[in-house]
Amino acid sequence: MIVGICVGSGIFFKVGSILAFTGGNVLLGVLVFFIGALCIIFGSLSLTNLASRTTKNGGMVAYFEDFYSNSMASAFGWYQTFLYYPTIAVVVSWAAGIYTTLLLNLPQTIDIQMGIGFLYMLLFYSINIYSKDFAGKFQIISTITKLIPLIGIGLLALFWTKEPPAIPSGVEAVPVSNVGWGWVAALAPMAFSYDGWPIALSISNEVKGGHETMKKALFFGPIIVLAVYLCYFLGLTAILGPEYILSTGEEAVMAVGNMILGSYGEIIILMFILIALFGVINGVTLGHIRMPYALATKDMMPESQKIIQSYEGTKKAHTSALIAFLVSIGWFVIHYTTQRFNLIGAGDVSEIAIVFGYLWYIALYVKVFQMFMKKQITDVFTGFISPILAILGGLIILFGGFHESPYSTAFFFLICSLFCISGFMCYKYNKKHNLEVNHVD
């Protein structure tokens, strides 16, 4: 799940964005990849300390519950359930719709793209609701499949002897340049490319092997993602050259497909991208449908008992899954509206949630550090070094997000805060109501 969700379509096309922000400097690009990796490698290593100290469900929600407070956990849980998961599911489903229209040579209209994307979203929510085993197997298959072109391009570059291709006629050449500290803005697209790994924590109580398996996944998963990203990035720049990628942007990945695989290269690359997207949609929905139930077991949802009874009674089309799906439909409508009428410029609704999440992650890293200082954690690497580096990486990501778009990022943070406040108030209300009922009894 960690590798399958992180490695989506973003890496296929974010190379151009990263090189643009670094002025075509490949070494700076590598630095950006390593900074992005700091956030998940050292962050996930830090969280292994918390994962081994709780048996509750809900992933990070359980960490806030056990190591901060129930009300804070409810605030974070609402942010994840009603904003983070659904916005990612919606935007990735829309992206799958875009690449389907490219693959089938359909009209490039927002209506057709979103229509196909909605069908994909409906399909994967249905698969995860009615066949948990199939959804898990599909996650493994899609992850292995999507790694083939990424690793393959990197390995091929080791034996590539041809000169970089000429920039197509009619395309303005963009030379390598010195951007100074402007490369920091590359951290925003990098954050998107690495995002999604916390979703795997939502199924930690269902994983075979329990905490030991999760600790291994949290250690090896991010390292695999970094290795794959560097392999693809260095391979693509070696075959095409920085100038070609800077000049052609997102079309660069299609060019390398044609160079390696011939006339069918573009179609093959598009199919791999679609499989990558399907893996992300599946992984996100796999985690999302469990979140309302996880919150209900902690009395952090309205009508919590009804949600629990539905989930434990059927295991199929339960209320938890229905809530998750309806929330995603709501965000799908919002996303369609913002794109149709160009309400948020070049951005999308998923950007509301991604950078904001690092505030919460940093809070958990701080808690791990505090537990080490109190000698509750004795391992120096995971309890001291890892959280410090994870905090540093998270702060850099936050700085990069504000550096790229300060006003829209501040607005998005306000929206996220409103969801958190709603979750906080819901838990407080439920707690007060339960006390009143018990007092009457």
Protein backbone atom coordinates (compact mmCIF):
# COMPACT_ATOMS: atom_id res chain seq x y z
CA MET A 1 0.00 0.00 0.00
CA ILE A 2 2.78 2.44 0.88
CA VAL A 3 4.61 1.95 -2.42
CA GLY A 4 1.38 1.59 -4.41
CA ILE A 5 -0.16 4.81 -3.13
CA CYS A 6 2.98 6.98 -3.22
CA VAL A 7 3.98 5.86 -6.71
CA GLY A 8 1.08 7.14 -8.77
CA SER A 9 1.00 9.14 -11.98
CA GLY A 10 2.74 12.13 -10.38
CA ILE A 11 6.26 10.81 -10.82
CA PHE A 12 5.70 10.28 -14.57
CA PHE A 13 5.10 14.00 -15.03
CA LYS A 14 6.56 15.76 -11.99
CA VAL A 15 10.10 15.37 -13.34
CA GLY A 16 9.43 18.28 -15.69
CA SER A 17 8.12 20.46 -12.87
CA ILE A 18 11.04 19.61 -10.59
CA LEU A 19 13.59 20.33 -13.32
CA ALA A 20 11.82 23.60 -14.16
CA PHE A 21 12.09 24.80 -10.55
CA THR A 22 15.75 23.71 -10.35
CA GLY A 23 16.59 25.33 -13.69
CA GLY A 24 17.49 21.96 -15.18
CA ASN A 25 20.10 21.23 -12.51
CA VAL A 26 19.96 17.44 -12.09
CA LEU A 27 21.92 17.42 -8.81
CA LEU A 28 19.47 19.90 -7.29
CA GLY A 29 16.67 17.66 -8.52
CA VAL A 30 18.26 14.72 -6.70
CA LEU A 31 18.48 16.90 -3.57
CA VAL A 32 14.76 17.65 -3.82
CA PHE A 33 13.99 13.92 -4.02
CA PHE A 34 16.09 13.29 -0.93
CA ILE A 35 14.39 16.09 1.02
CA GLY A 36 11.01 14.65 0.08
CA ALA A 37 12.23 11.26 1.26
CA LEU A 38 13.24 12.73 4.62
CA CYS A 39 9.58 13.34 5.33
CA ILE A 40 8.49 9.75 4.82
CA ILE A 41 11.58 7.66 5.59
CA PHE A 42 12.42 9.32 8.90
CA GLY A 43 8.78 10.17 9.57
CA SER A 44 7.67 6.58 9.17
CA LEU A 45 10.62 5.31 11.20
CA SER A 46 9.58 7.67 13.99
CA LEU A 47 6.01 6.43 13.88
CA THR A 48 7.08 2.80 14.33
CA ASN A 49 7.51 3.74 18.00
CA LEU A 50 3.86 4.75 18.23
CA ALA A 51 2.61 1.87 16.08
CA SER A 52 4.17 -0.65 18.49
CA ARG A 53 2.52 1.03 21.50
CA THR A 54 -1.14 0.98 20.44
CA THR A 55 -3.58 -1.73 19.42
CA LYS A 56 -6.39 0.63 18.44
CA ASN A 57 -7.73 1.09 14.91
CA GLY A 58 -7.71 4.26 12.84
CA GLY A 59 -3.98 4.57 12.10
CA MET A 60 -2.75 8.05 12.97
CA VAL A 61 -6.06 8.83 14.67
CA ALA A 62 -5.18 6.18 17.27
CA TYR A 63 -1.76 7.77 17.76
CA PHE A 64 -3.33 11.15 18.57
CA GLU A 65 -5.87 9.40 20.79
CA ASP A 66 -3.25 7.56 22.85
CA PHE A 67 -0.48 10.13 22.90
CA TYR A 68 -2.33 13.48 22.83
CA SER A 69 -6.08 13.55 23.52
CA ASN A 70 -9.37 12.18 22.24
CA SER A 71 -10.60 15.59 21.11
CA MET A 72 -7.39 16.19 19.14
CA ALA A 73 -7.71 12.73 17.61
CA SER A 74 -11.27 13.53 16.56
CA ALA A 75 -10.12 16.78 14.92
CA PHE A 76 -7.45 14.94 12.94
CA GLY A 77 -9.82 12.09 12.10
CA TRP A 78 -12.37 14.45 10.60
CA TYR A 79 -9.67 16.12 8.53
CA GLN A 80 -8.62 12.73 7.16
CA THR A 81 -12.11 11.33 6.63
CA PHE A 82 -13.90 14.33 5.21
CA LEU A 83 -11.07 16.10 3.38
CA TYR A 84 -7.77 14.24 2.92
CA TYR A 85 -8.96 10.83 1.67
CA PRO A 86 -11.86 11.99 -0.54
CA THR A 87 -10.03 14.86 -2.26
CA ILE A 88 -7.16 12.57 -3.22
CA ALA A 89 -9.59 9.89 -4.46
CA VAL A 90 -11.48 12.46 -6.53
CA VAL A 91 -8.44 14.10 -8.14
CA VAL A 92 -6.72 10.80 -8.96
CA SER A 93 -9.98 9.44 -10.44
CA TRP A 94 -10.21 12.58 -12.59
CA ALA A 95 -6.59 12.08 -13.68
CA ALA A 96 -7.45 8.51 -14.69
CA GLY A 97 -10.30 9.95 -16.76
CA ILE A 98 -7.89 12.33 -18.49
CA TYR A 99 -5.46 9.57 -19.46
CA THR A 100 -8.31 7.34 -20.59
CA THR A 101 -9.45 10.01 -23.06
CA LEU A 102 -5.85 10.27 -24.30
CA LEU A 103 -5.55 6.50 -24.65
CA LEU A 104 -8.88 6.13 -26.50
CA ASN A 105 -8.49 9.38 -28.45
CA LEU A 106 -11.69 10.85 -27.00
CA PRO A 107 -12.54 14.57 -26.89
CA GLN A 108 -10.51 16.38 -24.21
CA THR A 109 -13.42 17.99 -22.35
CA ILE A 110 -13.85 18.32 -18.60
CA ASP A 111 -17.27 16.67 -18.81
CA ILE A 112 -15.98 13.48 -20.47
CA GLN A 113 -12.88 13.34 -18.26
CA MET A 114 -14.88 13.77 -15.06
CA GLY A 115 -17.59 11.36 -16.24
CA ILE A 116 -15.04 8.59 -16.82
CA GLY A 117 -13.29 9.49 -13.56
CA PHE A 118 -16.55 9.14 -11.63
CA LEU A 119 -17.08 5.66 -13.06
CA TYR A 120 -13.58 4.68 -11.95
CA MET A 121 -14.22 6.03 -8.46
CA LEU A 122 -17.54 4.16 -8.27
CA LEU A 123 -15.83 0.97 -9.45
CA PHE A 124 -13.08 1.00 -6.83
CA TYR A 125 -15.36 1.93 -3.94
CA SER A 126 -17.59 -1.00 -4.98
CA ILE A 127 -14.61 -3.39 -5.21
CA ASN A 128 -13.37 -2.43 -1.76
CA ILE A 129 -16.83 -2.70 -0.21
CA TYR A 130 -17.80 -6.05 -1.69
CA SER A 131 -14.45 -7.84 -2.10
CA LYS A 132 -11.75 -6.90 0.40
CA ASP A 133 -9.53 -9.80 -0.69
CA PHE A 134 -9.67 -8.86 -4.37
CA ALA A 135 -8.90 -5.23 -3.50
CA GLY A 136 -5.81 -6.33 -1.58
CA LYS A 137 -4.59 -8.55 -4.40
CA PHE A 138 -5.20 -5.82 -6.97
CA GLN A 139 -3.07 -3.46 -4.86
CA ILE A 140 -0.14 -5.88 -5.08
CA ILE A 141 -0.53 -6.48 -8.84
CA SER A 142 -0.87 -2.79 -9.70
CA THR A 143 2.14 -1.88 -7.56
CA ILE A 144 4.40 -4.43 -9.26
CA THR A 145 3.14 -3.44 -12.72
CA LYS A 146 3.66 0.30 -12.27
CA LEU A 147 7.26 -0.22 -11.13
CA ILE A 148 8.24 -1.90 -14.41
CA PRO A 149 8.59 1.26 -16.56
CA LEU A 150 10.05 3.36 -13.74
CA ILE A 151 12.84 0.92 -12.92
CA GLY A 152 13.17 -0.16 -16.55
CA ILE A 153 13.96 3.36 -17.78
CA GLY A 154 16.60 3.76 -15.07
CA LEU A 155 18.28 0.46 -15.91
CA LEU A 156 18.13 1.15 -19.64
CA ALA A 157 19.91 4.48 -19.13
CA LEU A 158 22.96 2.58 -17.85
CA PHE A 159 23.46 1.15 -21.35
CA TRP A 160 22.11 4.10 -23.36
CA THR A 161 24.70 5.48 -25.79
CA LYS A 162 22.61 7.64 -28.13
CA GLU A 163 22.69 11.42 -28.05
CA PRO A 164 19.71 13.24 -26.49
CA PRO A 165 16.94 13.86 -29.06
CA ALA A 166 16.53 17.20 -30.80
CA ILE A 167 13.86 19.50 -29.42
CA PRO A 168 10.77 19.22 -31.69
CA SER A 169 10.24 21.97 -34.24
CA GLY A 170 7.80 24.59 -33.06
CA VAL A 171 8.73 24.00 -29.40
CA GLU A 172 10.61 26.84 -27.74
CA ALA A 173 13.94 25.67 -26.35
CA VAL A 174 14.41 26.25 -22.60
CA PRO A 175 18.08 26.24 -21.57
CA VAL A 176 19.51 25.20 -18.21
CA SER A 177 19.70 28.23 -15.90
CA ASN A 178 20.66 29.30 -12.39
CA VAL A 179 17.49 29.74 -10.31
CA GLY A 180 19.15 30.54 -6.99
CA TRP A 181 16.87 29.60 -4.09
CA GLY A 182 13.92 29.27 -6.46
CA TRP A 183 14.48 25.49 -6.41
CA VAL A 184 12.73 25.40 -3.00
CA ALA A 185 9.40 25.70 -4.86
CA ALA A 186 10.06 22.22 -6.31
CA LEU A 187 9.17 20.83 -2.89
CA ALA A 188 5.46 21.41 -3.56
CA PRO A 189 5.20 18.97 -6.52
CA MET A 190 7.59 16.69 -4.66
CA ALA A 191 5.23 16.60 -1.65
CA PHE A 192 2.43 15.44 -3.96
CA SER A 193 4.62 12.72 -5.48
CA TYR A 194 5.52 11.30 -2.06
CA ASP A 195 2.13 11.76 -0.43
CA GLY A 196 -0.22 8.98 0.59
CA TRP A 197 1.91 6.73 2.80
CA PRO A 198 -0.08 7.50 6.02
CA ILE A 199 -3.14 5.87 4.43
CA ALA A 200 -1.55 2.45 4.93
CA LEU A 201 -1.74 2.99 8.69
CA SER A 202 -5.56 2.86 8.50
CA ILE A 203 -5.44 -0.94 8.05
CA SER A 204 -2.68 -1.62 10.60
CA ASN A 205 -5.02 -3.63 12.83
CA GLU A 206 -5.90 -5.94 9.88
CA VAL A 207 -2.35 -6.68 8.70
CA LYS A 208 -0.96 -10.17 9.16
CA GLY A 209 1.91 -10.10 11.62
CA GLY A 210 0.57 -7.01 13.37
CA HIS A 211 2.99 -4.35 14.53
CA GLU A 212 6.13 -6.17 13.37
CA THR A 213 4.81 -6.23 9.79
CA MET A 214 3.85 -2.55 9.98
CA LYS A 215 7.30 -1.64 11.30
CA LYS A 216 8.92 -3.42 8.35
CA ALA A 217 6.52 -1.75 5.90
CA LEU A 218 7.16 1.69 7.39
CA PHE A 219 10.91 1.12 7.06
CA PHE A 220 11.25 -0.54 3.66
CA GLY A 221 8.28 1.05 1.84
CA PRO A 222 9.60 4.65 1.78
CA ILE A 223 13.12 3.49 0.89
CA ILE A 224 11.73 1.59 -2.09
CA VAL A 225 9.81 4.71 -3.19
CA LEU A 226 12.96 6.87 -3.02
CA ALA A 227 15.02 4.29 -4.95
CA VAL A 228 12.37 4.01 -7.66
CA TYR A 229 12.02 7.79 -7.99
CA LEU A 230 15.77 8.35 -8.28
CA CYS A 231 16.08 5.49 -10.77
CA TYR A 232 13.42 7.01 -13.01
CA PHE A 233 14.57 10.63 -12.61
CA LEU A 234 18.21 9.92 -13.39
CA GLY A 235 17.27 7.55 -16.21
CA LEU A 236 14.93 10.02 -17.89
CA THR A 237 17.42 12.91 -17.67
CA ALA A 238 20.23 10.67 -18.98
CA ILE A 239 18.22 9.54 -22.04
CA LEU A 240 16.48 12.81 -22.95
CA GLY A 241 18.74 15.45 -21.40
CA PRO A 242 17.58 18.27 -19.09
CA GLU A 243 17.04 20.76 -21.96
CA TYR A 244 14.63 18.44 -23.77
CA ILE A 245 12.59 17.84 -20.63
CA LEU A 246 12.55 21.57 -19.77
CA SER A 247 11.33 22.40 -23.27
CA THR A 248 8.69 19.70 -23.75
CA GLY A 249 7.43 19.43 -20.15
CA GLU A 250 4.82 16.69 -19.63
CA GLU A 251 5.31 15.33 -23.15
CA ALA A 252 8.81 14.11 -22.24
CA VAL A 253 7.55 10.80 -20.84
CA MET A 254 5.75 10.11 -24.12
CA ALA A 255 8.93 10.87 -26.06
CA VAL A 256 10.97 8.34 -24.11
CA GLY A 257 8.21 5.79 -24.68
CA ASN A 258 8.44 6.26 -28.45
CA MET A 259 12.25 6.15 -28.40
CA ILE A 260 12.35 2.86 -26.50
CA LEU A 261 9.20 1.07 -27.65
CA GLY A 262 8.60 2.52 -31.10
CA SER A 263 5.27 3.66 -32.56
CA TYR A 264 3.27 1.95 -29.79
CA GLY A 265 5.39 3.46 -27.06
CA GLU A 266 2.98 6.26 -26.20
CA ILE A 267 0.05 3.84 -25.86
CA ILE A 268 2.08 1.48 -23.66
CA ILE A 269 3.23 4.34 -21.40
CA LEU A 270 -0.38 5.56 -21.07
CA MET A 271 -1.49 2.09 -20.05
CA PHE A 272 1.19 1.91 -17.37
CA ILE A 273 0.12 5.33 -16.09
CA LEU A 274 -3.51 4.20 -15.89
CA ILE A 275 -2.51 1.12 -13.91
CA ALA A 276 -0.50 3.36 -11.58
CA LEU A 277 -3.56 5.56 -11.07
CA PHE A 278 -5.81 2.58 -10.45
CA GLY A 279 -3.44 1.44 -7.72
CA VAL A 280 -3.68 4.83 -6.02
CA ILE A 281 -7.49 4.98 -6.25
CA ASN A 282 -7.75 1.44 -4.87
CA GLY A 283 -5.36 2.13 -2.01
CA VAL A 284 -7.09 5.37 -1.02
CA THR A 285 -10.59 3.86 -1.07
CA LEU A 286 -9.32 0.78 0.79
CA GLY A 287 -8.35 3.07 3.65
CA HIS A 288 -11.19 5.57 3.35
CA ILE A 289 -14.15 3.20 3.78
CA ARG A 290 -12.76 2.14 7.18
CA MET A 291 -12.33 5.64 8.60
CA PRO A 292 -15.94 6.51 9.60
CA TYR A 293 -16.17 3.17 11.45
CA ALA A 294 -12.81 3.78 13.15
CA LEU A 295 -14.01 7.20 14.34
CA ALA A 296 -17.37 5.77 15.44
CA THR A 297 -15.64 3.19 17.68
CA LYS A 298 -14.08 6.17 19.47
CA ASP A 299 -17.42 8.05 19.64
CA MET A 300 -16.12 10.72 17.25
CA MET A 301 -19.03 10.56 14.79
CA PRO A 302 -22.72 11.46 15.02
CA GLU A 303 -24.82 8.30 15.57
CA SER A 304 -21.66 6.32 16.32
CA GLN A 305 -23.47 3.20 17.54
CA LYS A 306 -25.47 2.85 14.33
CA ILE A 307 -22.27 3.03 12.27
CA ILE A 308 -20.63 0.38 14.46
CA GLN A 309 -23.62 -1.97 14.29
CA SER A 310 -23.82 -1.65 10.50
CA TYR A 311 -20.09 -2.34 10.02
CA GLU A 312 -19.91 -5.31 12.38
CA GLY A 313 -23.20 -6.75 11.18
CA THR A 314 -22.61 -7.08 7.42
CA LYS A 315 -19.00 -6.39 6.34
CA LYS A 316 -20.49 -5.42 2.96
CA ALA A 317 -22.37 -2.22 2.11
CA HIS A 318 -22.02 -0.87 5.64
CA THR A 319 -22.74 2.69 6.78
CA SER A 320 -19.04 3.49 7.12
CA ALA A 321 -18.43 2.77 3.43
CA LEU A 322 -21.58 4.65 2.42
CA ILE A 323 -20.49 7.75 4.35
CA ALA A 324 -17.04 7.62 2.72
CA PHE A 325 -18.52 7.26 -0.75
CA LEU A 326 -21.07 10.07 -0.28
CA VAL A 327 -18.35 12.39 1.00
CA SER A 328 -16.28 11.60 -2.09
CA ILE A 329 -19.26 12.34 -4.34
CA GLY A 330 -19.62 15.71 -2.61
CA TRP A 331 -15.98 16.54 -3.24
CA PHE A 332 -16.33 15.28 -6.80
CA VAL A 333 -19.06 17.89 -7.40
CA ILE A 334 -16.91 20.59 -5.79
CA HIS A 335 -13.89 19.58 -7.86
CA TYR A 336 -15.91 19.56 -11.08
CA THR A 337 -17.27 23.03 -10.30
CA THR A 338 -13.84 24.50 -9.53
CA GLN A 339 -12.34 23.04 -12.70
CA ARG A 340 -15.31 23.82 -14.93
CA PHE A 341 -15.34 27.50 -13.98
CA ASN A 342 -11.60 27.85 -13.21
CA LEU A 343 -12.23 28.93 -9.61
CA ILE A 344 -8.81 27.97 -8.15
CA GLY A 345 -6.53 28.52 -11.14
CA ALA A 346 -4.15 25.70 -11.98
CA GLY A 347 -4.66 23.97 -8.64
CA ASP A 348 -7.15 21.32 -7.53
CA VAL A 349 -9.02 20.40 -4.36
CA SER A 350 -6.42 17.83 -3.24
CA GLU A 351 -3.94 20.64 -2.64
CA ILE A 352 -6.19 21.79 0.20
CA ALA A 353 -5.26 18.74 2.23
CA ILE A 354 -1.77 17.55 1.32
CA VAL A 355 0.49 20.29 2.71
CA PHE A 356 -1.78 20.85 5.73
CA GLY A 357 -1.25 17.25 6.79
CA TYR A 358 2.40 17.94 7.58
CA LEU A 359 1.36 20.10 10.53
CA TRP A 360 -0.24 17.02 12.08
CA TYR A 361 2.63 14.72 11.17
CA ILE A 362 5.12 17.09 12.80
CA ALA A 363 3.03 17.00 15.99
CA LEU A 364 3.47 13.21 16.12
CA TYR A 365 7.21 13.47 15.46
CA VAL A 366 7.47 15.96 18.34
CA LYS A 367 5.67 13.49 20.60
CA VAL A 368 8.15 10.73 19.70
CA PHE A 369 11.04 13.09 20.51
CA GLN A 370 9.44 13.99 23.85
CA MET A 371 8.99 10.30 24.69
CA PHE A 372 12.68 9.72 23.96
CA MET A 373 13.68 12.59 26.24
CA LYS A 374 11.53 11.04 28.99
CA LYS A 375 13.29 7.69 28.33
CA GLN A 376 9.99 6.07 27.34
CA ILE A 377 11.72 5.31 24.02
CA THR A 378 15.31 4.08 24.22
CA ASP A 379 16.28 3.61 20.56
CA VAL A 380 18.46 6.59 19.60
CA PHE A 381 17.92 6.32 15.84
CA THR A 382 14.11 6.02 15.72
CA GLY A 383 13.46 8.03 18.88
CA PHE A 384 15.92 10.91 18.50
CA ILE A 385 17.58 11.19 15.08
CA SER A 386 14.58 10.18 12.96
CA PRO A 387 12.02 12.59 14.49
CA ILE A 388 14.44 15.52 14.27
CA LEU A 389 15.09 14.87 10.58
CA ALA A 390 11.37 14.23 9.95
CA ILE A 391 10.45 17.54 11.62
CA LEU A 392 13.05 19.33 9.52
CA GLY A 393 11.71 17.72 6.33
CA GLY A 394 8.12 18.57 7.25
CA LEU A 395 8.99 22.22 7.93
CA ILE A 396 10.75 22.42 4.56
CA ILE A 397 7.63 21.04 2.83
CA LEU A 398 5.44 23.62 4.63
CA PHE A 399 7.83 26.39 3.61
CA GLY A 400 7.82 25.16 0.02
CA GLY A 401 4.01 25.13 -0.08
CA PHE A 402 3.73 28.71 1.18
CA HIS A 403 6.63 29.84 -1.01
CA GLU A 404 4.89 28.64 -4.16
CA SER A 405 1.44 30.12 -3.39
CA PRO A 406 1.20 31.93 -0.04
CA TYR A 407 -2.36 33.30 -0.32
CA SER A 408 -4.06 30.17 -1.66
CA THR A 409 -2.15 27.98 0.82
CA ALA A 410 -3.32 30.18 3.71
CA PHE A 411 -6.92 29.95 2.41
CA PHE A 412 -6.67 26.17 2.12
CA PHE A 413 -5.30 25.96 5.66
CA LEU A 414 -8.36 27.87 6.87
CA ILE A 415 -10.68 25.37 5.18
CA CYS A 416 -8.79 22.45 6.71
CA SER A 417 -8.99 24.07 10.13
CA LEU A 418 -12.78 24.30 9.86
CA PHE A 419 -12.98 20.54 9.33
CA CYS A 420 -10.73 19.97 12.34
CA ILE A 421 -12.85 22.26 14.51
CA SER A 422 -15.98 20.34 13.46
CA GLY A 423 -14.38 17.06 14.54
CA PHE A 424 -13.25 18.57 17.83
CA MET A 425 -16.76 19.89 18.58
CA CYS A 426 -18.40 16.59 17.58
CA TYR A 427 -16.38 14.65 20.13
CA LYS A 428 -17.02 17.23 22.85
CA TYR A 429 -20.76 17.12 22.13
CA ASN A 430 -20.87 13.31 22.20
CA LYS A 431 -18.92 13.21 25.45
CA LYS A 432 -21.24 15.76 27.08
CA HIS A 433 -24.34 13.95 25.78
CA ASN A 434 -23.12 10.58 27.09
CA LEU A 435 -22.41 12.08 30.50
CA GLU A 436 -25.92 13.53 30.65
CA VAL A 437 -27.48 10.21 29.65
CA ASN A 438 -25.45 8.29 32.22
CA HIS A 439 -26.35 10.83 34.88
CA VAL A 440 -30.06 10.43 34.15
CA ASP A 441 -29.71 6.63 34.23
